[in-house]
Amino acid sequence: MHGARPRLEALADGVIRRLRRSLPAPLRERFDGLALFLDERPAPELVAEGVSADTMGLFEGPAVDEEGGLEVSARMTLFLQPLWEEAGGDERAFCREVRRTLLHELGHYLGLDEADLADRDLD
């Protein structure tokens, strides 16, 4: 993965930029307030806490409706290797998975649970 990481990061960055531009202004402002990270895989500490080693994305922190006065900031992390594996090593499929995962995690930020996301075909 190490040699492929710069290419995967570039592909993911492109998807993130395009998705951001496509969002309505109020949602774009919320999206801009999130810290967004690209990591290779979930850290061992996260796995020890119960996060699956092959998870493709993770939202951490308060949802929009819970933010008031909290000192914890919301963050999303996309995990490049599991996304790449899910895409079967295909760049176009990888970009689709990045977009889908990003929308899934953004949904959590907006307060949607897994059932809500499944109803939107984002499970």
PDB file of N, CA and C in Angstrom:
ATOM      1  N   MET A   1       0.826  -1.199   0.000  1.00  0.00           N
ATOM      2  CA  MET A   1       0.000   0.000   0.000  1.00  0.00           C
ATOM      3  C   MET A   1       0.860   1.248   0.000  1.00  0.00           C
ATOM      4  N   HIS A   2       2.013   1.205   0.637  1.00  0.00           N
ATOM      5  CA  HIS A   2       2.793   2.424   0.816  1.00  0.00           C
ATOM      6  C   HIS A   2       3.082   3.128  -0.499  1.00  0.00           C
ATOM      7  N   GLY A   3       3.412   2.392  -1.534  1.00  0.00           N
ATOM      8  CA  GLY A   3       3.663   3.003  -2.826  1.00  0.00           C
ATOM      9  C   GLY A   3       2.401   3.533  -3.477  1.00  0.00           C
ATOM     10  N   ALA A   4       1.272   2.927  -3.157  1.00  0.00           N
ATOM     11  CA  ALA A   4      -0.004   3.338  -3.741  1.00  0.00           C
ATOM     12  C   ALA A   4      -0.674   4.452  -2.941  1.00  0.00           C
ATOM     13  N   ARG A   5      -0.230   4.674  -1.727  1.00  0.00           N
ATOM     14  CA  ARG A   5      -0.920   5.643  -0.877  1.00  0.00           C
ATOM     15  C   ARG A   5      -1.030   7.034  -1.495  1.00  0.00           C
ATOM     16  N   PRO A   6       0.033   7.594  -2.072  1.00  0.00           N
ATOM     17  CA  PRO A   6      -0.124   8.936  -2.660  1.00  0.00           C
ATOM     18  C   PRO A   6      -1.202   8.970  -3.751  1.00  0.00           C
ATOM     19  N   ARG A   7      -1.278   7.929  -4.569  1.00  0.00           N
ATOM     20  CA  ARG A   7      -2.301   7.892  -5.615  1.00  0.00           C
ATOM     21  C   ARG A   7      -3.698   7.773  -5.005  1.00  0.00           C
ATOM     22  N   LEU A   8      -3.851   6.918  -4.002  1.00  0.00           N
ATOM     23  CA  LEU A   8      -5.152   6.767  -3.354  1.00  0.00           C
ATOM     24  C   LEU A   8      -5.565   8.051  -2.636  1.00  0.00           C
ATOM     25  N   GLU A   9      -4.617   8.718  -2.002  1.00  0.00           N
ATOM     26  CA  GLU A   9      -4.922   9.999  -1.351  1.00  0.00           C
ATOM     27  C   GLU A   9      -5.367  11.030  -2.381  1.00  0.00           C
ATOM     28  N   ALA A  10      -4.694  11.078  -3.523  1.00  0.00           N
ATOM     29  CA  ALA A  10      -5.060  12.024  -4.580  1.00  0.00           C
ATOM     30  C   ALA A  10      -6.461  11.723  -5.116  1.00  0.00           C
ATOM     31  N   LEU A  11      -6.759  10.460  -5.338  1.00  0.00           N
ATOM     32  CA  LEU A  11      -8.094  10.082  -5.802  1.00  0.00           C
ATOM     33  C   LEU A  11      -9.152  10.467  -4.768  1.00  0.00           C
ATOM     34  N   ALA A  12      -8.898  10.143  -3.501  1.00  0.00           N
ATOM     35  CA  ALA A  12      -9.849  10.460  -2.438  1.00  0.00           C
ATOM     36  C   ALA A  12     -10.028  11.970  -2.307  1.00  0.00           C
ATOM     37  N   ASP A  13      -8.945  12.729  -2.385  1.00  0.00           N
ATOM     38  CA  ASP A  13      -9.037  14.187  -2.305  1.00  0.00           C
ATOM     39  C   ASP A  13      -9.923  14.738  -3.420  1.00  0.00           C
ATOM     40  N   GLY A  14      -9.786  14.189  -4.608  1.00  0.00           N
ATOM     41  CA  GLY A  14     -10.616  14.629  -5.724  1.00  0.00           C
ATOM     42  C   GLY A  14     -12.093  14.353  -5.467  1.00  0.00           C
ATOM     43  N   VAL A  15     -12.400  13.186  -4.934  1.00  0.00           N
ATOM     44  CA  VAL A  15     -13.781  12.835  -4.605  1.00  0.00           C
ATOM     45  C   VAL A  15     -14.314  13.787  -3.534  1.00  0.00           C
ATOM     46  N   ILE A  16     -13.516  14.048  -2.527  1.00  0.00           N
ATOM     47  CA  ILE A  16     -13.923  14.936  -1.431  1.00  0.00           C
ATOM     48  C   ILE A  16     -14.216  16.334  -1.967  1.00  0.00           C
ATOM     49  N   ARG A  17     -13.341  16.860  -2.814  1.00  0.00           N
ATOM     50  CA  ARG A  17     -13.557  18.200  -3.386  1.00  0.00           C
ATOM     51  C   ARG A  17     -14.835  18.255  -4.220  1.00  0.00           C
ATOM     52  N   ARG A  18     -15.051  17.236  -5.060  1.00  0.00           N
ATOM     53  CA  ARG A  18     -16.257  17.222  -5.902  1.00  0.00           C
ATOM     54  C   ARG A  18     -17.519  17.101  -5.058  1.00  0.00           C
ATOM     55  N   LEU A  19     -17.484  16.243  -4.051  1.00  0.00           N
ATOM     56  CA  LEU A  19     -18.646  16.090  -3.189  1.00  0.00           C
ATOM     57  C   LEU A  19     -18.933  17.397  -2.459  1.00  0.00           C
ATOM     58  N   ARG A  20     -17.911  18.020  -1.936  1.00  0.00           N
ATOM     59  CA  ARG A  20     -18.082  19.288  -1.218  1.00  0.00           C
ATOM     60  C   ARG A  20     -18.758  20.324  -2.117  1.00  0.00           C
ATOM     61  N   ARG A  21     -18.294  20.450  -3.345  1.00  0.00           N
ATOM     62  CA  ARG A  21     -18.880  21.429  -4.274  1.00  0.00           C
ATOM     63  C   ARG A  21     -20.339  21.125  -4.580  1.00  0.00           C
ATOM     64  N   SER A  22     -20.726  19.868  -4.520  1.00  0.00           N
ATOM     65  CA  SER A  22     -22.090  19.474  -4.879  1.00  0.00           C
ATOM     66  C   SER A  22     -23.089  19.671  -3.733  1.00  0.00           C
ATOM     67  N   LEU A  23     -22.594  19.918  -2.536  1.00  0.00           N
ATOM     68  CA  LEU A  23     -23.481  20.061  -1.380  1.00  0.00           C
ATOM     69  C   LEU A  23     -24.163  21.430  -1.379  1.00  0.00           C
ATOM     70  N   PRO A  24     -25.403  21.489  -0.912  1.00  0.00           N
ATOM     71  CA  PRO A  24     -26.051  22.796  -0.726  1.00  0.00           C
ATOM     72  C   PRO A  24     -25.249  23.618   0.278  1.00  0.00           C
ATOM     73  N   ALA A  25     -25.283  24.930   0.136  1.00  0.00           N
ATOM     74  CA  ALA A  25     -24.455  25.823   0.955  1.00  0.00           C
ATOM     75  C   ALA A  25     -24.537  25.543   2.455  1.00  0.00           C
ATOM     76  N   PRO A  26     -25.726  25.389   3.049  1.00  0.00           N
ATOM     77  CA  PRO A  26     -25.748  25.143   4.507  1.00  0.00           C
ATOM     78  C   PRO A  26     -25.042  23.841   4.899  1.00  0.00           C
ATOM     79  N   LEU A  27     -25.208  22.817   4.089  1.00  0.00           N
ATOM     80  CA  LEU A  27     -24.551  21.544   4.374  1.00  0.00           C
ATOM     81  C   LEU A  27     -23.050  21.652   4.110  1.00  0.00           C
ATOM     82  N   ARG A  28     -22.662  22.397   3.081  1.00  0.00           N
ATOM     83  CA  ARG A  28     -21.246  22.607   2.783  1.00  0.00           C
ATOM     84  C   ARG A  28     -20.556  23.284   3.967  1.00  0.00           C
ATOM     85  N   GLU A  29     -21.245  24.250   4.589  1.00  0.00           N
ATOM     86  CA  GLU A  29     -20.665  24.931   5.759  1.00  0.00           C
ATOM     87  C   GLU A  29     -20.445  23.946   6.903  1.00  0.00           C
ATOM     88  N   ARG A  30     -21.396  23.051   7.118  1.00  0.00           N
ATOM     89  CA  ARG A  30     -21.239  22.023   8.154  1.00  0.00           C
ATOM     90  C   ARG A  30     -20.074  21.096   7.820  1.00  0.00           C
ATOM     91  N   PHE A  31     -20.026  20.680   6.558  1.00  0.00           N
ATOM     92  CA  PHE A  31     -18.960  19.792   6.096  1.00  0.00           C
ATOM     93  C   PHE A  31     -17.599  20.449   6.303  1.00  0.00           C
ATOM     94  N   ASP A  32     -17.516  21.746   6.002  1.00  0.00           N
ATOM     95  CA  ASP A  32     -16.249  22.462   6.162  1.00  0.00           C
ATOM     96  C   ASP A  32     -15.808  22.544   7.611  1.00  0.00           C
ATOM     97  N   GLY A  33     -16.754  22.401   8.547  1.00  0.00           N
ATOM     98  CA  GLY A  33     -16.416  22.457   9.959  1.00  0.00           C
ATOM     99  C   GLY A  33     -15.894  21.150  10.527  1.00  0.00           C
ATOM    100  N   LEU A  34     -15.921  20.107   9.716  1.00  0.00           N
ATOM    101  CA  LEU A  34     -15.437  18.798  10.166  1.00  0.00           C
ATOM    102  C   LEU A  34     -13.942  18.649   9.899  1.00  0.00           C
ATOM    103  N   ALA A  35     -13.269  18.021  10.812  1.00  0.00           N
ATOM    104  CA  ALA A  35     -11.896  17.601  10.544  1.00  0.00           C
ATOM    105  C   ALA A  35     -11.993  16.302   9.749  1.00  0.00           C
ATOM    106  N   LEU A  36     -11.282  16.219   8.652  1.00  0.00           N
ATOM    107  CA  LEU A  36     -11.346  15.040   7.782  1.00  0.00           C
ATOM    108  C   LEU A  36      -9.936  14.500   7.585  1.00  0.00           C
ATOM    109  N   PHE A  37      -9.780  13.204   7.877  1.00  0.00           N
ATOM    110  CA  PHE A  37      -8.476  12.567   7.796  1.00  0.00           C
ATOM    111  C   PHE A  37      -8.519  11.372   6.858  1.00  0.00           C
ATOM    112  N   LEU A  38      -7.394  11.101   6.239  1.00  0.00           N
ATOM    113  CA  LEU A  38      -7.207   9.904   5.422  1.00  0.00           C
ATOM    114  C   LEU A  38      -6.108   9.089   6.087  1.00  0.00           C
ATOM    115  N   ASP A  39      -6.445   7.894   6.522  1.00  0.00           N
ATOM    116  CA  ASP A  39      -5.471   6.996   7.135  1.00  0.00           C
ATOM    117  C   ASP A  39      -5.431   5.695   6.347  1.00  0.00           C
ATOM    118  N   GLU A  40      -4.344   4.964   6.522  1.00  0.00           N
ATOM    119  CA  GLU A  40      -4.212   3.690   5.822  1.00  0.00           C
ATOM    120  C   GLU A  40      -5.216   2.667   6.330  1.00  0.00           C
ATOM    121  N   ARG A  41      -5.263   2.491   7.635  1.00  0.00           N
ATOM    122  CA  ARG A  41      -6.168   1.536   8.296  1.00  0.00           C
ATOM    123  C   ARG A  41      -6.501   2.087   9.679  1.00  0.00           C
ATOM    124  N   PRO A  42      -7.535   1.537  10.309  1.00  0.00           N
ATOM    125  CA  PRO A  42      -7.791   1.932  11.700  1.00  0.00           C
ATOM    126  C   PRO A  42      -6.586   1.589  12.586  1.00  0.00           C
ATOM    127  N   ALA A  43      -6.262   2.508  13.473  1.00  0.00           N
ATOM    128  CA  ALA A  43      -5.135   2.315  14.391  1.00  0.00           C
ATOM    129  C   ALA A  43      -5.442   1.150  15.340  1.00  0.00           C
ATOM    130  N   PRO A  44      -4.403   0.471  15.816  1.00  0.00           N
ATOM    131  CA  PRO A  44      -4.612  -0.639  16.753  1.00  0.00           C
ATOM    132  C   PRO A  44      -5.456  -0.251  17.965  1.00  0.00           C
ATOM    133  N   GLU A  45      -5.322   0.997  18.433  1.00  0.00           N
ATOM    134  CA  GLU A  45      -6.115   1.451  19.578  1.00  0.00           C
ATOM    135  C   GLU A  45      -7.607   1.432  19.243  1.00  0.00           C
ATOM    136  N   LEU A  46      -7.946   1.857  18.028  1.00  0.00           N
ATOM    137  CA  LEU A  46      -9.356   1.835  17.605  1.00  0.00           C
ATOM    138  C   LEU A  46      -9.874   0.406  17.511  1.00  0.00           C
ATOM    139  N   VAL A  47      -9.055  -0.477  16.968  1.00  0.00           N
ATOM    140  CA  VAL A  47      -9.447  -1.883  16.846  1.00  0.00           C
ATOM    141  C   VAL A  47      -9.657  -2.467  18.236  1.00  0.00           C
ATOM    142  N   ALA A  48      -8.769  -2.112  19.169  1.00  0.00           N
ATOM    143  CA  ALA A  48      -8.906  -2.596  20.544  1.00  0.00           C
ATOM    144  C   ALA A  48     -10.195  -2.088  21.189  1.00  0.00           C
ATOM    145  N   GLU A  49     -10.685  -0.920  20.731  1.00  0.00           N
ATOM    146  CA  GLU A  49     -11.931  -0.353  21.252  1.00  0.00           C
ATOM    147  C   GLU A  49     -13.164  -0.932  20.552  1.00  0.00           C
ATOM    148  N   GLY A  50     -12.945  -1.804  19.559  1.00  0.00           N
ATOM    149  CA  GLY A  50     -14.075  -2.446  18.907  1.00  0.00           C
ATOM    150  C   GLY A  50     -14.340  -2.030  17.472  1.00  0.00           C
ATOM    151  N   VAL A  51     -13.536  -1.112  16.938  1.00  0.00           N
ATOM    152  CA  VAL A  51     -13.693  -0.729  15.535  1.00  0.00           C
ATOM    153  C   VAL A  51     -13.115  -1.860  14.683  1.00  0.00           C
ATOM    154  N   SER A  52     -13.864  -2.289  13.688  1.00  0.00           N
ATOM    155  CA  SER A  52     -13.409  -3.366  12.816  1.00  0.00           C
ATOM    156  C   SER A  52     -12.143  -2.945  12.063  1.00  0.00           C
ATOM    157  N   ALA A  53     -11.210  -3.858  11.934  1.00  0.00           N
ATOM    158  CA  ALA A  53      -9.959  -3.569  11.231  1.00  0.00           C
ATOM    159  C   ALA A  53     -10.185  -3.272   9.757  1.00  0.00           C
ATOM    160  N   ASP A  54     -11.323  -3.684   9.214  1.00  0.00           N
ATOM    161  CA  ASP A  54     -11.590  -3.431   7.800  1.00  0.00           C
ATOM    162  C   ASP A  54     -12.662  -2.363   7.576  1.00  0.00           C
ATOM    163  N   THR A  55     -12.929  -1.558   8.622  1.00  0.00           N
ATOM    164  CA  THR A  55     -13.893  -0.483   8.443  1.00  0.00           C
ATOM    165  C   THR A  55     -13.360   0.525   7.439  1.00  0.00           C
ATOM    166  N   MET A  56     -14.242   1.092   6.648  1.00  0.00           N
ATOM    167  CA  MET A  56     -13.830   2.011   5.586  1.00  0.00           C
ATOM    168  C   MET A  56     -13.899   3.468   6.006  1.00  0.00           C
ATOM    169  N   GLY A  57     -14.679   3.758   7.037  1.00  0.00           N
ATOM    170  CA  GLY A  57     -14.793   5.136   7.497  1.00  0.00           C
ATOM    171  C   GLY A  57     -15.273   5.175   8.929  1.00  0.00           C
ATOM    172  N   LEU A  58     -15.010   6.294   9.576  1.00  0.00           N
ATOM    173  CA  LEU A  58     -15.376   6.432  10.977  1.00  0.00           C
ATOM    174  C   LEU A  58     -15.709   7.885  11.261  1.00  0.00           C
ATOM    175  N   PHE A  59     -16.853   8.097  11.897  1.00  0.00           N
ATOM    176  CA  PHE A  59     -17.221   9.420  12.404  1.00  0.00           C
ATOM    177  C   PHE A  59     -17.047   9.391  13.908  1.00  0.00           C
ATOM    178  N   GLU A  60     -16.403  10.412  14.446  1.00  0.00           N
ATOM    179  CA  GLU A  60     -16.202  10.521  15.890  1.00  0.00           C
ATOM    180  C   GLU A  60     -16.596  11.922  16.328  1.00  0.00           C
ATOM    181  N   GLY A  61     -17.248  11.990  17.464  1.00  0.00           N
ATOM    182  CA  GLY A  61     -17.616  13.290  18.011  1.00  0.00           C
ATOM    183  C   GLY A  61     -19.106  13.495  18.015  1.00  0.00           C
ATOM    184  N   PRO A  62     -19.510  14.695  18.388  1.00  0.00           N
ATOM    185  CA  PRO A  62     -20.947  14.973  18.482  1.00  0.00           C
ATOM    186  C   PRO A  62     -21.566  15.200  17.106  1.00  0.00           C
ATOM    187  N   ALA A  63     -22.819  14.777  16.974  1.00  0.00           N
ATOM    188  CA  ALA A  63     -23.579  15.089  15.763  1.00  0.00           C
ATOM    189  C   ALA A  63     -23.943  16.571  15.809  1.00  0.00           C
ATOM    190  N   VAL A  64     -24.363  17.091  14.688  1.00  0.00           N
ATOM    191  CA  VAL A  64     -24.708  18.508  14.566  1.00  0.00           C
ATOM    192  C   VAL A  64     -25.639  18.957  15.688  1.00  0.00           C
ATOM    193  N   ASP A  65     -26.654  18.186  15.965  1.00  0.00           N
ATOM    194  CA  ASP A  65     -27.642  18.594  16.959  1.00  0.00           C
ATOM    195  C   ASP A  65     -27.153  18.434  18.394  1.00  0.00           C
ATOM    196  N   GLU A  66     -25.949  17.915  18.586  1.00  0.00           N
ATOM    197  CA  GLU A  66     -25.391  17.725  19.922  1.00  0.00           C
ATOM    198  C   GLU A  66     -24.198  18.634  20.198  1.00  0.00           C
ATOM    199  N   GLU A  67     -23.822  19.473  19.227  1.00  0.00           N
ATOM    200  CA  GLU A  67     -22.568  20.215  19.332  1.00  0.00           C
ATOM    201  C   GLU A  67     -22.557  21.319  20.375  1.00  0.00           C
ATOM    202  N   GLY A  68     -23.665  21.954  20.643  1.00  0.00           N
ATOM    203  CA  GLY A  68     -23.719  23.137  21.495  1.00  0.00           C
ATOM    204  C   GLY A  68     -22.884  23.059  22.751  1.00  0.00           C
ATOM    205  N   GLY A  69     -21.857  23.862  22.817  1.00  0.00           N
ATOM    206  CA  GLY A  69     -21.055  23.982  24.011  1.00  0.00           C
ATOM    207  C   GLY A  69     -20.080  22.848  24.280  1.00  0.00           C
ATOM    208  N   LEU A  70     -20.045  21.838  23.435  1.00  0.00           N
ATOM    209  CA  LEU A  70     -19.112  20.738  23.666  1.00  0.00           C
ATOM    210  C   LEU A  70     -17.720  21.119  23.178  1.00  0.00           C
ATOM    211  N   GLU A  71     -16.721  20.685  23.907  1.00  0.00           N
ATOM    212  CA  GLU A  71     -15.349  21.001  23.527  1.00  0.00           C
ATOM    213  C   GLU A  71     -14.762  19.984  22.566  1.00  0.00           C
ATOM    214  N   VAL A  72     -15.463  18.878  22.352  1.00  0.00           N
ATOM    215  CA  VAL A  72     -14.988  17.841  21.446  1.00  0.00           C
ATOM    216  C   VAL A  72     -15.425  18.214  20.038  1.00  0.00           C
ATOM    217  N   SER A  73     -14.490  18.207  19.111  1.00  0.00           N
ATOM    218  CA  SER A  73     -14.878  18.530  17.740  1.00  0.00           C
ATOM    219  C   SER A  73     -15.121  17.247  16.953  1.00  0.00           C
ATOM    220  N   ALA A  74     -16.021  17.360  15.998  1.00  0.00           N
ATOM    221  CA  ALA A  74     -16.363  16.212  15.165  1.00  0.00           C
ATOM    222  C   ALA A  74     -15.264  15.973  14.142  1.00  0.00           C
ATOM    223  N   ARG A  75     -15.057  14.691  13.826  1.00  0.00           N
ATOM    224  CA  ARG A  75     -14.047  14.326  12.838  1.00  0.00           C
ATOM    225  C   ARG A  75     -14.480  13.083  12.086  1.00  0.00           C
ATOM    226  N   MET A  76     -14.050  13.020  10.854  1.00  0.00           N
ATOM    227  CA  MET A  76     -14.270  11.845  10.024  1.00  0.00           C
ATOM    228  C   MET A  76     -12.928  11.347   9.550  1.00  0.00           C
ATOM    229  N   THR A  77     -12.810  10.037   9.492  1.00  0.00           N
ATOM    230  CA  THR A  77     -11.610   9.421   8.951  1.00  0.00           C
ATOM    231  C   THR A  77     -12.029   8.407   7.905  1.00  0.00           C
ATOM    232  N   LEU A  78     -11.384   8.477   6.759  1.00  0.00           N
ATOM    233  CA  LEU A  78     -11.561   7.470   5.713  1.00  0.00           C
ATOM    234  C   LEU A  78     -10.312   6.600   5.714  1.00  0.00           C
ATOM    235  N   PHE A  79     -10.512   5.289   5.618  1.00  0.00           N
ATOM    236  CA  PHE A  79      -9.408   4.344   5.670  1.00  0.00           C
ATOM    237  C   PHE A  79      -9.148   3.797   4.268  1.00  0.00           C
ATOM    238  N   LEU A  80      -8.030   4.200   3.704  1.00  0.00           N
ATOM    239  CA  LEU A  80      -7.739   3.962   2.292  1.00  0.00           C
ATOM    240  C   LEU A  80      -7.606   2.490   1.923  1.00  0.00           C
ATOM    241  N   GLN A  81      -6.913   1.716   2.721  1.00  0.00           N
ATOM    242  CA  GLN A  81      -6.688   0.309   2.362  1.00  0.00           C
ATOM    243  C   GLN A  81      -7.991  -0.498   2.329  1.00  0.00           C
ATOM    244  N   PRO A  82      -8.834  -0.420   3.348  1.00  0.00           N
ATOM    245  CA  PRO A  82     -10.107  -1.142   3.257  1.00  0.00           C
ATOM    246  C   PRO A  82     -10.979  -0.657   2.094  1.00  0.00           C
ATOM    247  N   LEU A  83     -10.952   0.635   1.803  1.00  0.00           N
ATOM    248  CA  LEU A  83     -11.701   1.161   0.655  1.00  0.00           C
ATOM    249  C   LEU A  83     -11.163   0.566  -0.647  1.00  0.00           C
ATOM    250  N   TRP A  84      -9.848   0.514  -0.762  1.00  0.00           N
ATOM    251  CA  TRP A  84      -9.195  -0.040  -1.953  1.00  0.00           C
ATOM    252  C   TRP A  84      -9.525  -1.528  -2.103  1.00  0.00           C
ATOM    253  N   GLU A  85      -9.485  -2.246  -0.993  1.00  0.00           N
ATOM    254  CA  GLU A  85      -9.810  -3.676  -1.027  1.00  0.00           C
ATOM    255  C   GLU A  85     -11.272  -3.890  -1.411  1.00  0.00           C
ATOM    256  N   GLU A  86     -12.184  -3.091  -0.867  1.00  0.00           N
ATOM    257  CA  GLU A  86     -13.605  -3.193  -1.208  1.00  0.00           C
ATOM    258  C   GLU A  86     -13.822  -2.931  -2.694  1.00  0.00           C
ATOM    259  N   ALA A  87     -13.013  -2.045  -3.248  1.00  0.00           N
ATOM    260  CA  ALA A  87     -13.117  -1.688  -4.669  1.00  0.00           C
ATOM    261  C   ALA A  87     -12.437  -2.704  -5.575  1.00  0.00           C
ATOM    262  N   GLY A  88     -11.820  -3.714  -4.996  1.00  0.00           N
ATOM    263  CA  GLY A  88     -11.158  -4.739  -5.798  1.00  0.00           C
ATOM    264  C   GLY A  88      -9.977  -4.218  -6.599  1.00  0.00           C
ATOM    265  N   GLY A  89      -9.365  -3.155  -6.098  1.00  0.00           N
ATOM    266  CA  GLY A  89      -8.196  -2.598  -6.778  1.00  0.00           C
ATOM    267  C   GLY A  89      -8.534  -1.781  -8.017  1.00  0.00           C
ATOM    268  N   ASP A  90      -9.782  -1.411  -8.182  1.00  0.00           N
ATOM    269  CA  ASP A  90     -10.218  -0.627  -9.342  1.00  0.00           C
ATOM    270  C   ASP A  90     -10.385   0.838  -8.922  1.00  0.00           C
ATOM    271  N   GLU A  91      -9.721   1.755  -9.628  1.00  0.00           N
ATOM    272  CA  GLU A  91      -9.744   3.157  -9.228  1.00  0.00           C
ATOM    273  C   GLU A  91     -11.142   3.774  -9.291  1.00  0.00           C
ATOM    274  N   ARG A  92     -11.901   3.459 -10.308  1.00  0.00           N
ATOM    275  CA  ARG A  92     -13.260   4.022 -10.409  1.00  0.00           C
ATOM    276  C   ARG A  92     -14.138   3.503  -9.278  1.00  0.00           C
ATOM    277  N   ALA A  93     -14.031   2.220  -8.996  1.00  0.00           N
ATOM    278  CA  ALA A  93     -14.797   1.643  -7.886  1.00  0.00           C
ATOM    279  C   ALA A  93     -14.327   2.242  -6.560  1.00  0.00           C
ATOM    280  N   PHE A  94     -13.043   2.481  -6.426  1.00  0.00           N
ATOM    281  CA  PHE A  94     -12.489   3.115  -5.225  1.00  0.00           C
ATOM    282  C   PHE A  94     -13.122   4.492  -5.023  1.00  0.00           C
ATOM    283  N   CYS A  95     -13.194   5.275  -6.074  1.00  0.00           N
ATOM    284  CA  CYS A  95     -13.796   6.614  -5.978  1.00  0.00           C
ATOM    285  C   CYS A  95     -15.268   6.525  -5.580  1.00  0.00           C
ATOM    286  N   ARG A  96     -15.984   5.554  -6.110  1.00  0.00           N
ATOM    287  CA  ARG A  96     -17.391   5.366  -5.718  1.00  0.00           C
ATOM    288  C   ARG A  96     -17.496   5.002  -4.238  1.00  0.00           C
ATOM    289  N   GLU A  97     -16.594   4.124  -3.779  1.00  0.00           N
ATOM    290  CA  GLU A  97     -16.610   3.719  -2.364  1.00  0.00           C
ATOM    291  C   GLU A  97     -16.249   4.887  -1.449  1.00  0.00           C
ATOM    292  N   VAL A  98     -15.297   5.701  -1.864  1.00  0.00           N
ATOM    293  CA  VAL A  98     -14.928   6.879  -1.065  1.00  0.00           C
ATOM    294  C   VAL A  98     -16.141   7.795  -0.924  1.00  0.00           C
ATOM    295  N   ARG A  99     -16.826   8.061  -2.037  1.00  0.00           N
ATOM    296  CA  ARG A  99     -17.989   8.942  -2.010  1.00  0.00           C
ATOM    297  C   ARG A  99     -19.085   8.368  -1.110  1.00  0.00           C
ATOM    298  N   ARG A 100     -19.361   7.108  -1.293  1.00  0.00           N
ATOM    299  CA  ARG A 100     -20.416   6.455  -0.511  1.00  0.00           C
ATOM    300  C   ARG A 100     -20.076   6.469   0.986  1.00  0.00           C
ATOM    301  N   THR A 101     -18.836   6.164   1.319  1.00  0.00           N
ATOM    302  CA  THR A 101     -18.404   6.141   2.712  1.00  0.00           C
ATOM    303  C   THR A 101     -18.427   7.550   3.304  1.00  0.00           C
ATOM    304  N   LEU A 102     -17.994   8.506   2.533  1.00  0.00           N
ATOM    305  CA  LEU A 102     -18.020   9.894   2.988  1.00  0.00           C
ATOM    306  C   LEU A 102     -19.458  10.340   3.276  1.00  0.00           C
ATOM    307  N   LEU A 103     -20.392  10.019   2.386  1.00  0.00           N
ATOM    308  CA  LEU A 103     -21.799  10.358   2.611  1.00  0.00           C
ATOM    309  C   LEU A 103     -22.352   9.627   3.837  1.00  0.00           C
ATOM    310  N   HIS A 104     -21.939   8.385   4.027  1.00  0.00           N
ATOM    311  CA  HIS A 104     -22.368   7.608   5.196  1.00  0.00           C
ATOM    312  C   HIS A 104     -21.916   8.307   6.480  1.00  0.00           C
ATOM    313  N   GLU A 105     -20.645   8.656   6.547  1.00  0.00           N
ATOM    314  CA  GLU A 105     -20.112   9.288   7.759  1.00  0.00           C
ATOM    315  C   GLU A 105     -20.689  10.694   7.938  1.00  0.00           C
ATOM    316  N   LEU A 106     -20.916  11.403   6.860  1.00  0.00           N
ATOM    317  CA  LEU A 106     -21.563  12.712   6.937  1.00  0.00           C
ATOM    318  C   LEU A 106     -22.983  12.557   7.489  1.00  0.00           C
ATOM    319  N   GLY A 107     -23.639  11.480   7.092  1.00  0.00           N
ATOM    320  CA  GLY A 107     -24.965  11.196   7.635  1.00  0.00           C
ATOM    321  C   GLY A 107     -24.938  11.028   9.150  1.00  0.00           C
ATOM    322  N   HIS A 108     -23.922  10.345   9.664  1.00  0.00           N
ATOM    323  CA  HIS A 108     -23.790  10.216  11.125  1.00  0.00           C
ATOM    324  C   HIS A 108     -23.619  11.587  11.758  1.00  0.00           C
ATOM    325  N   TYR A 109     -22.823  12.434  11.142  1.00  0.00           N
ATOM    326  CA  TYR A 109     -22.619  13.791  11.652  1.00  0.00           C
ATOM    327  C   TYR A 109     -23.945  14.551  11.697  1.00  0.00           C
ATOM    328  N   LEU A 110     -24.805  14.288  10.733  1.00  0.00           N
ATOM    329  CA  LEU A 110     -26.098  14.964  10.682  1.00  0.00           C
ATOM    330  C   LEU A 110     -27.141  14.309  11.582  1.00  0.00           C
ATOM    331  N   GLY A 111     -26.734  13.251  12.309  1.00  0.00           N
ATOM    332  CA  GLY A 111     -27.610  12.626  13.279  1.00  0.00           C
ATOM    333  C   GLY A 111     -28.341  11.390  12.788  1.00  0.00           C
ATOM    334  N   LEU A 112     -28.004  10.897  11.609  1.00  0.00           N
ATOM    335  CA  LEU A 112     -28.661   9.692  11.096  1.00  0.00           C
ATOM    336  C   LEU A 112     -28.038   8.449  11.723  1.00  0.00           C
ATOM    337  N   ASP A 113     -28.884   7.462  12.027  1.00  0.00           N
ATOM    338  CA  ASP A 113     -28.365   6.201  12.536  1.00  0.00           C
ATOM    339  C   ASP A 113     -28.251   5.201  11.383  1.00  0.00           C
ATOM    340  N   GLU A 114     -27.827   3.993  11.688  1.00  0.00           N
ATOM    341  CA  GLU A 114     -27.598   2.990  10.636  1.00  0.00           C
ATOM    342  C   GLU A 114     -28.873   2.687   9.843  1.00  0.00           C
ATOM    343  N   ALA A 115     -30.016   2.624  10.518  1.00  0.00           N
ATOM    344  CA  ALA A 115     -31.274   2.358   9.813  1.00  0.00           C
ATOM    345  C   ALA A 115     -31.614   3.501   8.857  1.00  0.00           C
ATOM    346  N   ASP A 116     -31.415   4.744   9.300  1.00  0.00           N
ATOM    347  CA  ASP A 116     -31.652   5.899   8.434  1.00  0.00           C
ATOM    348  C   ASP A 116     -30.744   5.834   7.194  1.00  0.00           C
ATOM    349  N   LEU A 117     -29.502   5.469   7.421  1.00  0.00           N
ATOM    350  CA  LEU A 117     -28.540   5.400   6.318  1.00  0.00           C
ATOM    351  C   LEU A 117     -28.901   4.263   5.362  1.00  0.00           C
ATOM    352  N   ALA A 118     -29.353   3.145   5.902  1.00  0.00           N
ATOM    353  CA  ALA A 118     -29.775   2.033   5.051  1.00  0.00           C
ATOM    354  C   ALA A 118     -30.965   2.441   4.202  1.00  0.00           C
ATOM    355  N   ASP A 119     -31.878   3.221   4.771  1.00  0.00           N
ATOM    356  CA  ASP A 119     -33.031   3.705   4.009  1.00  0.00           C
ATOM    357  C   ASP A 119     -32.599   4.585   2.841  1.00  0.00           C
ATOM    358  N   ARG A 120     -31.424   5.171   2.942  1.00  0.00           N
ATOM    359  CA  ARG A 120     -30.894   6.043   1.897  1.00  0.00           C
ATOM    360  C   ARG A 120     -29.858   5.325   1.026  1.00  0.00           C
ATOM    361  N   ASP A 121     -29.818   4.006   1.177  1.00  0.00           N
ATOM    362  CA  ASP A 121     -28.860   3.156   0.436  1.00  0.00           C
ATOM    363  C   ASP A 121     -27.419   3.568   0.705  1.00  0.00           C
ATOM    364  N   LEU A 122     -27.139   3.938   1.942  1.00  0.00           N
ATOM    365  CA  LEU A 122     -25.792   4.322   2.346  1.00  0.00           C
ATOM    366  C   LEU A 122     -25.269   3.432   3.473  1.00  0.00           C
ATOM    367  N   ASP A 123     -25.710   2.168   3.480  1.00  0.00           N
ATOM    368  CA  ASP A 123     -25.233   1.255   4.524  1.00  0.00           C
ATOM    369  C   ASP A 123     -24.020   0.504   4.068  1.00  0.00           C
TER     370      ASP A 123
END
